[in-house]
């Protein structure tokens, strides 16, 4: 069994790349900006760190798609 040959696994990784790595990170970027605007720097820092974790997960998914499928997303 090769996990990258399963179409469902491919869809999950693609959703992780686009949904978590790009869309959720963009939402968190807005939330960080709003917290900084209200001078809630501790909350902004926590959201910034969480957004970096989401970007890292998205980048890992992107690297997997590039190496296994040759798909640059």
PDB file of N, CA and C in Angstrom:
ATOM      1  N   UNK A   1       0.837  -1.187   0.000  1.00  0.00           N
ATOM      2  CA  UNK A   1       0.000   0.000   0.000  1.00  0.00           C
ATOM      3  C   UNK A   1       0.873   1.237   0.000  1.00  0.00           C
ATOM      4  N   UNK A   2       0.675   2.052  -0.986  1.00  0.00           N
ATOM      5  CA  UNK A   2       1.397   3.326  -1.060  1.00  0.00           C
ATOM      6  C   UNK A   2       0.393   4.445  -0.809  1.00  0.00           C
ATOM      7  N   UNK A   3       0.593   5.223   0.266  1.00  0.00           N
ATOM      8  CA  UNK A   3      -0.424   6.224   0.607  1.00  0.00           C
ATOM      9  C   UNK A   3      -0.584   7.319  -0.433  1.00  0.00           C
ATOM     10  N   UNK A   4       0.471   7.638  -1.177  1.00  0.00           N
ATOM     11  CA  UNK A   4       0.350   8.723  -2.149  1.00  0.00           C
ATOM     12  C   UNK A   4      -0.415   8.311  -3.402  1.00  0.00           C
ATOM     13  N   UNK A   5      -0.723   7.006  -3.559  1.00  0.00           N
ATOM     14  CA  UNK A   5      -1.504   6.563  -4.708  1.00  0.00           C
ATOM     15  C   UNK A   5      -3.009   6.610  -4.440  1.00  0.00           C
ATOM     16  N   UNK A   6      -3.397   6.817  -3.208  1.00  0.00           N
ATOM     17  CA  UNK A   6      -4.808   6.888  -2.860  1.00  0.00           C
ATOM     18  C   UNK A   6      -5.348   8.279  -3.173  1.00  0.00           C
ATOM     19  N   UNK A   7      -6.449   8.378  -3.941  1.00  0.00           N
ATOM     20  CA  UNK A   7      -6.988   9.706  -4.264  1.00  0.00           C
ATOM     21  C   UNK A   7      -7.489  10.449  -3.027  1.00  0.00           C
ATOM     22  N   UNK A   8      -7.979   9.726  -2.031  1.00  0.00           N
ATOM     23  CA  UNK A   8      -8.454  10.391  -0.823  1.00  0.00           C
ATOM     24  C   UNK A   8      -7.285  10.994  -0.039  1.00  0.00           C
ATOM     25  N   UNK A   9      -6.174  10.281   0.021  1.00  0.00           N
ATOM     26  CA  UNK A   9      -4.992  10.808   0.705  1.00  0.00           C
ATOM     27  C   UNK A   9      -4.490  12.059  -0.008  1.00  0.00           C
ATOM     28  N   UNK A  10      -4.506  12.036  -1.330  1.00  0.00           N
ATOM     29  CA  UNK A  10      -4.095  13.209  -2.104  1.00  0.00           C
ATOM     30  C   UNK A  10      -4.987  14.404  -1.788  1.00  0.00           C
ATOM     31  N   UNK A  11      -6.295  14.173  -1.689  1.00  0.00           N
ATOM     32  CA  UNK A  11      -7.222  15.259  -1.378  1.00  0.00           C
ATOM     33  C   UNK A  11      -6.985  15.809   0.023  1.00  0.00           C
ATOM     34  N   UNK A  12      -6.696  14.940   0.974  1.00  0.00           N
ATOM     35  CA  UNK A  12      -6.430  15.389   2.340  1.00  0.00           C
ATOM     36  C   UNK A  12      -5.180  16.249   2.383  1.00  0.00           C
ATOM     37  N   UNK A  13      -4.135  15.828   1.693  1.00  0.00           N
ATOM     38  CA  UNK A  13      -2.898  16.608   1.678  1.00  0.00           C
ATOM     39  C   UNK A  13      -3.109  17.930   0.947  1.00  0.00           C
ATOM     40  N   UNK A  14      -3.873  17.917  -0.126  1.00  0.00           N
ATOM     41  CA  UNK A  14      -4.151  19.156  -0.856  1.00  0.00           C
ATOM     42  C   UNK A  14      -4.969  20.132  -0.009  1.00  0.00           C
ATOM     43  N   UNK A  15      -5.937  19.616   0.727  1.00  0.00           N
ATOM     44  CA  UNK A  15      -6.717  20.472   1.627  1.00  0.00           C
ATOM     45  C   UNK A  15      -5.833  21.017   2.740  1.00  0.00           C
ATOM     46  N   UNK A  16      -4.914  20.191   3.238  1.00  0.00           N
ATOM     47  CA  UNK A  16      -3.989  20.674   4.267  1.00  0.00           C
ATOM     48  C   UNK A  16      -3.126  21.793   3.720  1.00  0.00           C
ATOM     49  N   UNK A  17      -2.695  21.658   2.484  1.00  0.00           N
ATOM     50  CA  UNK A  17      -1.848  22.698   1.881  1.00  0.00           C
ATOM     51  C   UNK A  17      -2.622  23.989   1.672  1.00  0.00           C
ATOM     52  N   UNK A  18      -3.776  23.893   1.043  1.00  0.00           N
ATOM     53  CA  UNK A  18      -4.534  25.098   0.705  1.00  0.00           C
ATOM     54  C   UNK A  18      -5.332  25.635   1.891  1.00  0.00           C
ATOM     55  N   UNK A  19      -6.000  24.743   2.597  1.00  0.00           N
ATOM     56  CA  UNK A  19      -6.859  25.185   3.692  1.00  0.00           C
ATOM     57  C   UNK A  19      -6.106  25.622   4.924  1.00  0.00           C
ATOM     58  N   UNK A  20      -5.191  24.788   5.365  1.00  0.00           N
ATOM     59  CA  UNK A  20      -4.451  25.093   6.588  1.00  0.00           C
ATOM     60  C   UNK A  20      -3.293  26.024   6.300  1.00  0.00           C
ATOM     61  N   UNK A  21      -2.523  25.720   5.272  1.00  0.00           N
ATOM     62  CA  UNK A  21      -1.315  26.492   5.010  1.00  0.00           C
ATOM     63  C   UNK A  21      -1.552  27.881   4.470  1.00  0.00           C
ATOM     64  N   UNK A  22      -2.622  28.087   3.740  1.00  0.00           N
ATOM     65  CA  UNK A  22      -2.862  29.404   3.145  1.00  0.00           C
ATOM     66  C   UNK A  22      -4.074  30.112   3.745  1.00  0.00           C
ATOM     67  N   UNK A  23      -5.236  29.472   3.707  1.00  0.00           N
ATOM     68  CA  UNK A  23      -6.463  30.146   4.142  1.00  0.00           C
ATOM     69  C   UNK A  23      -6.482  30.396   5.648  1.00  0.00           C
ATOM     70  N   UNK A  24      -6.193  29.372   6.438  1.00  0.00           N
ATOM     71  CA  UNK A  24      -6.209  29.558   7.891  1.00  0.00           C
ATOM     72  C   UNK A  24      -5.114  30.515   8.334  1.00  0.00           C
ATOM     73  N   UNK A  25      -3.969  30.464   7.685  1.00  0.00           N
ATOM     74  CA  UNK A  25      -2.893  31.391   8.029  1.00  0.00           C
ATOM     75  C   UNK A  25      -3.276  32.828   7.699  1.00  0.00           C
ATOM     76  N   UNK A  26      -4.016  33.032   6.628  1.00  0.00           N
ATOM     77  CA  UNK A  26      -4.481  34.384   6.287  1.00  0.00           C
ATOM     78  C   UNK A  26      -5.487  34.891   7.316  1.00  0.00           C
ATOM     79  N   UNK A  27      -6.359  34.021   7.780  1.00  0.00           N
ATOM     80  CA  UNK A  27      -7.318  34.410   8.820  1.00  0.00           C
ATOM     81  C   UNK A  27      -6.579  34.771  10.103  1.00  0.00           C
ATOM     82  N   UNK A  28      -5.587  33.967  10.464  1.00  0.00           N
ATOM     83  CA  UNK A  28      -4.814  34.266  11.668  1.00  0.00           C
ATOM     84  C   UNK A  28      -4.002  35.542  11.509  1.00  0.00           C
ATOM     85  N   UNK A  29      -3.542  35.840  10.319  1.00  0.00           N
ATOM     86  CA  UNK A  29      -2.812  37.096  10.100  1.00  0.00           C
ATOM     87  C   UNK A  29      -3.721  38.287  10.377  1.00  0.00           C
ATOM     88  N   UNK A  30      -4.963  38.210   9.933  1.00  0.00           N
ATOM     89  CA  UNK A  30      -5.913  39.283  10.235  1.00  0.00           C
ATOM     90  C   UNK A  30      -6.163  39.372  11.738  1.00  0.00           C
ATOM     91  N   UNK A  31      -6.286  38.226  12.408  1.00  0.00           N
ATOM     92  CA  UNK A  31      -6.522  38.232  13.847  1.00  0.00           C
ATOM     93  C   UNK A  31      -5.341  38.832  14.605  1.00  0.00           C
ATOM     94  N   UNK A  32      -4.122  38.530  14.166  1.00  0.00           N
ATOM     95  CA  UNK A  32      -2.933  39.120  14.785  1.00  0.00           C
ATOM     96  C   UNK A  32      -2.942  40.625  14.585  1.00  0.00           C
ATOM     97  N   UNK A  33      -3.239  41.069  13.382  1.00  0.00           N
ATOM     98  CA  UNK A  33      -3.277  42.503  13.097  1.00  0.00           C
ATOM     99  C   UNK A  33      -4.306  43.203  13.981  1.00  0.00           C
ATOM    100  N   UNK A  34      -5.465  42.583  14.150  1.00  0.00           N
ATOM    101  CA  UNK A  34      -6.507  43.171  14.977  1.00  0.00           C
ATOM    102  C   UNK A  34      -6.086  43.229  16.447  1.00  0.00           C
ATOM    103  N   UNK A  35      -5.428  42.189  16.937  1.00  0.00           N
ATOM    104  CA  UNK A  35      -4.952  42.198  18.326  1.00  0.00           C
ATOM    105  C   UNK A  35      -3.889  43.263  18.545  1.00  0.00           C
ATOM    106  N   UNK A  36      -2.997  43.423  17.601  1.00  0.00           N
ATOM    107  CA  UNK A  36      -1.959  44.448  17.728  1.00  0.00           C
ATOM    108  C   UNK A  36      -2.589  45.836  17.685  1.00  0.00           C
ATOM    109  N   UNK A  37      -3.592  46.005  16.846  1.00  0.00           N
ATOM    110  CA  UNK A  37      -4.282  47.289  16.752  1.00  0.00           C
ATOM    111  C   UNK A  37      -4.919  47.660  18.093  1.00  0.00           C
ATOM    112  N   UNK A  38      -5.411  46.644  18.816  1.00  0.00           N
ATOM    113  CA  UNK A  38      -6.013  46.885  20.126  1.00  0.00           C
ATOM    114  C   UNK A  38      -4.991  46.816  21.257  1.00  0.00           C
ATOM    115  N   UNK A  39      -3.725  46.687  20.921  1.00  0.00           N
ATOM    116  CA  UNK A  39      -2.608  46.613  21.867  1.00  0.00           C
ATOM    117  C   UNK A  39      -2.684  45.392  22.792  1.00  0.00           C
ATOM    118  N   UNK A  40      -3.224  44.308  22.292  1.00  0.00           N
ATOM    119  CA  UNK A  40      -3.252  43.043  23.025  1.00  0.00           C
ATOM    120  C   UNK A  40      -2.100  42.187  22.509  1.00  0.00           C
ATOM    121  N   UNK A  41      -0.890  42.571  22.900  1.00  0.00           N
ATOM    122  CA  UNK A  41       0.294  41.945  22.306  1.00  0.00           C
ATOM    123  C   UNK A  41       0.489  40.498  22.743  1.00  0.00           C
ATOM    124  N   UNK A  42       0.062  40.144  23.948  1.00  0.00           N
ATOM    125  CA  UNK A  42       0.217  38.759  24.378  1.00  0.00           C
ATOM    126  C   UNK A  42      -0.664  37.839  23.529  1.00  0.00           C
ATOM    127  N   UNK A  43      -1.875  38.247  23.280  1.00  0.00           N
ATOM    128  CA  UNK A  43      -2.764  37.463  22.415  1.00  0.00           C
ATOM    129  C   UNK A  43      -2.235  37.422  20.987  1.00  0.00           C
ATOM    130  N   UNK A  44      -1.710  38.549  20.522  1.00  0.00           N
ATOM    131  CA  UNK A  44      -1.167  38.602  19.161  1.00  0.00           C
ATOM    132  C   UNK A  44       0.022  37.667  19.018  1.00  0.00           C
ATOM    133  N   UNK A  45       0.858  37.602  20.051  1.00  0.00           N
ATOM    134  CA  UNK A  45       2.018  36.715  20.002  1.00  0.00           C
ATOM    135  C   UNK A  45       1.586  35.254  19.929  1.00  0.00           C
ATOM    136  N   UNK A  46       0.599  34.876  20.727  1.00  0.00           N
ATOM    137  CA  UNK A  46       0.112  33.493  20.708  1.00  0.00           C
ATOM    138  C   UNK A  46      -0.477  33.142  19.347  1.00  0.00           C
ATOM    139  N   UNK A  47      -1.243  34.047  18.781  1.00  0.00           N
ATOM    140  CA  UNK A  47      -1.831  33.782  17.464  1.00  0.00           C
ATOM    141  C   UNK A  47      -0.769  33.755  16.377  1.00  0.00           C
ATOM    142  N   UNK A  48       0.244  34.586  16.521  1.00  0.00           N
ATOM    143  CA  UNK A  48       1.347  34.576  15.556  1.00  0.00           C
ATOM    144  C   UNK A  48       2.065  33.229  15.576  1.00  0.00           C
ATOM    145  N   UNK A  49       2.363  32.719  16.772  1.00  0.00           N
ATOM    146  CA  UNK A  49       3.030  31.421  16.870  1.00  0.00           C
ATOM    147  C   UNK A  49       2.153  30.306  16.306  1.00  0.00           C
ATOM    148  N   UNK A  50       0.864  30.361  16.583  1.00  0.00           N
ATOM    149  CA  UNK A  50      -0.041  29.348  16.040  1.00  0.00           C
ATOM    150  C   UNK A  50      -0.112  29.433  14.519  1.00  0.00           C
ATOM    151  N   UNK A  51      -0.104  30.637  13.986  1.00  0.00           N
ATOM    152  CA  UNK A  51      -0.127  30.774  12.527  1.00  0.00           C
ATOM    153  C   UNK A  51       1.161  30.245  11.905  1.00  0.00           C
ATOM    154  N   UNK A  52       2.282  30.384  12.595  1.00  0.00           N
ATOM    155  CA  UNK A  52       3.535  29.838  12.077  1.00  0.00           C
ATOM    156  C   UNK A  52       3.487  28.310  12.039  1.00  0.00           C
ATOM    157  N   UNK A  53       2.842  27.690  13.024  1.00  0.00           N
ATOM    158  CA  UNK A  53       2.674  26.234  13.008  1.00  0.00           C
ATOM    159  C   UNK A  53       1.801  25.824  11.822  1.00  0.00           C
ATOM    160  N   UNK A  54       0.730  26.574  11.565  1.00  0.00           N
ATOM    161  CA  UNK A  54      -0.141  26.264  10.433  1.00  0.00           C
ATOM    162  C   UNK A  54       0.592  26.421   9.104  1.00  0.00           C
ATOM    163  N   UNK A  55       1.402  27.459   8.988  1.00  0.00           N
ATOM    164  CA  UNK A  55       2.188  27.656   7.763  1.00  0.00           C
ATOM    165  C   UNK A  55       3.180  26.514   7.588  1.00  0.00           C
ATOM    166  N   UNK A  56       3.799  26.076   8.675  1.00  0.00           N
ATOM    167  CA  UNK A  56       4.747  24.964   8.609  1.00  0.00           C
ATOM    168  C   UNK A  56       4.054  23.685   8.137  1.00  0.00           C
ATOM    169  N   UNK A  57       2.864  23.408   8.661  1.00  0.00           N
ATOM    170  CA  UNK A  57       2.102  22.229   8.225  1.00  0.00           C
ATOM    171  C   UNK A  57       1.757  22.339   6.742  1.00  0.00           C
ATOM    172  N   UNK A  58       1.356  23.519   6.309  1.00  0.00           N
ATOM    173  CA  UNK A  58       1.051  23.728   4.895  1.00  0.00           C
ATOM    174  C   UNK A  58       2.266  23.551   4.006  1.00  0.00           C
ATOM    175  N   UNK A  59       3.412  24.024   4.468  1.00  0.00           N
ATOM    176  CA  UNK A  59       4.637  23.863   3.684  1.00  0.00           C
ATOM    177  C   UNK A  59       5.067  22.402   3.606  1.00  0.00           C
ATOM    178  N   UNK A  60       4.899  21.665   4.700  1.00  0.00           N
ATOM    179  CA  UNK A  60       5.199  20.229   4.648  1.00  0.00           C
ATOM    180  C   UNK A  60       4.297  19.523   3.643  1.00  0.00           C
ATOM    181  N   UNK A  61       3.026  19.873   3.644  1.00  0.00           N
ATOM    182  CA  UNK A  61       2.096  19.281   2.676  1.00  0.00           C
ATOM    183  C   UNK A  61       2.487  19.667   1.255  1.00  0.00           C
ATOM    184  N   UNK A  62       2.909  20.911   1.053  1.00  0.00           N
ATOM    185  CA  UNK A  62       3.344  21.356  -0.274  1.00  0.00           C
ATOM    186  C   UNK A  62       4.586  20.623  -0.749  1.00  0.00           C
ATOM    187  N   UNK A  63       5.536  20.405   0.163  1.00  0.00           N
ATOM    188  CA  UNK A  63       6.743  19.660  -0.196  1.00  0.00           C
ATOM    189  C   UNK A  63       6.400  18.217  -0.567  1.00  0.00           C
ATOM    190  N   UNK A  64       5.468  17.618   0.190  1.00  0.00           N
ATOM    191  CA  UNK A  64       5.054  16.259  -0.123  1.00  0.00           C
ATOM    192  C   UNK A  64       4.414  16.189  -1.502  1.00  0.00           C
ATOM    193  N   UNK A  65       3.534  17.138  -1.805  1.00  0.00           N
ATOM    194  CA  UNK A  65       2.884  17.145  -3.118  1.00  0.00           C
ATOM    195  C   UNK A  65       3.893  17.353  -4.236  1.00  0.00           C
ATOM    196  N   UNK A  66       4.888  18.179  -3.998  1.00  0.00           N
ATOM    197  CA  UNK A  66       5.906  18.441  -5.017  1.00  0.00           C
ATOM    198  C   UNK A  66       6.751  17.194  -5.279  1.00  0.00           C
ATOM    199  N   UNK A  67       7.138  16.513  -4.222  1.00  0.00           N
ATOM    200  CA  UNK A  67       8.008  15.344  -4.392  1.00  0.00           C
ATOM    201  C   UNK A  67       7.265  14.111  -4.892  1.00  0.00           C
ATOM    202  N   UNK A  68       6.033  13.905  -4.422  1.00  0.00           N
ATOM    203  CA  UNK A  68       5.336  12.674  -4.796  1.00  0.00           C
ATOM    204  C   UNK A  68       4.551  12.804  -6.103  1.00  0.00           C
ATOM    205  N   UNK A  69       3.960  13.958  -6.346  1.00  0.00           N
ATOM    206  CA  UNK A  69       3.089  14.126  -7.507  1.00  0.00           C
ATOM    207  C   UNK A  69       3.666  15.061  -8.563  1.00  0.00           C
ATOM    208  N   UNK A  70       4.715  15.796  -8.224  1.00  0.00           N
ATOM    209  CA  UNK A  70       5.256  16.786  -9.144  1.00  0.00           C
ATOM    210  C   UNK A  70       4.351  17.994  -9.280  1.00  0.00           C
ATOM    211  N   UNK A  71       3.528  18.224  -8.275  1.00  0.00           N
ATOM    212  CA  UNK A  71       2.528  19.286  -8.298  1.00  0.00           C
ATOM    213  C   UNK A  71       3.005  20.449  -7.442  1.00  0.00           C
ATOM    214  N   UNK A  72       3.234  21.588  -8.069  1.00  0.00           N
ATOM    215  CA  UNK A  72       3.664  22.780  -7.329  1.00  0.00           C
ATOM    216  C   UNK A  72       2.435  23.582  -6.940  1.00  0.00           C
ATOM    217  N   UNK A  73       2.047  23.452  -5.692  1.00  0.00           N
ATOM    218  CA  UNK A  73       0.861  24.161  -5.194  1.00  0.00           C
ATOM    219  C   UNK A  73       1.311  25.198  -4.206  1.00  0.00           C
TER     220      UNK A  73
END
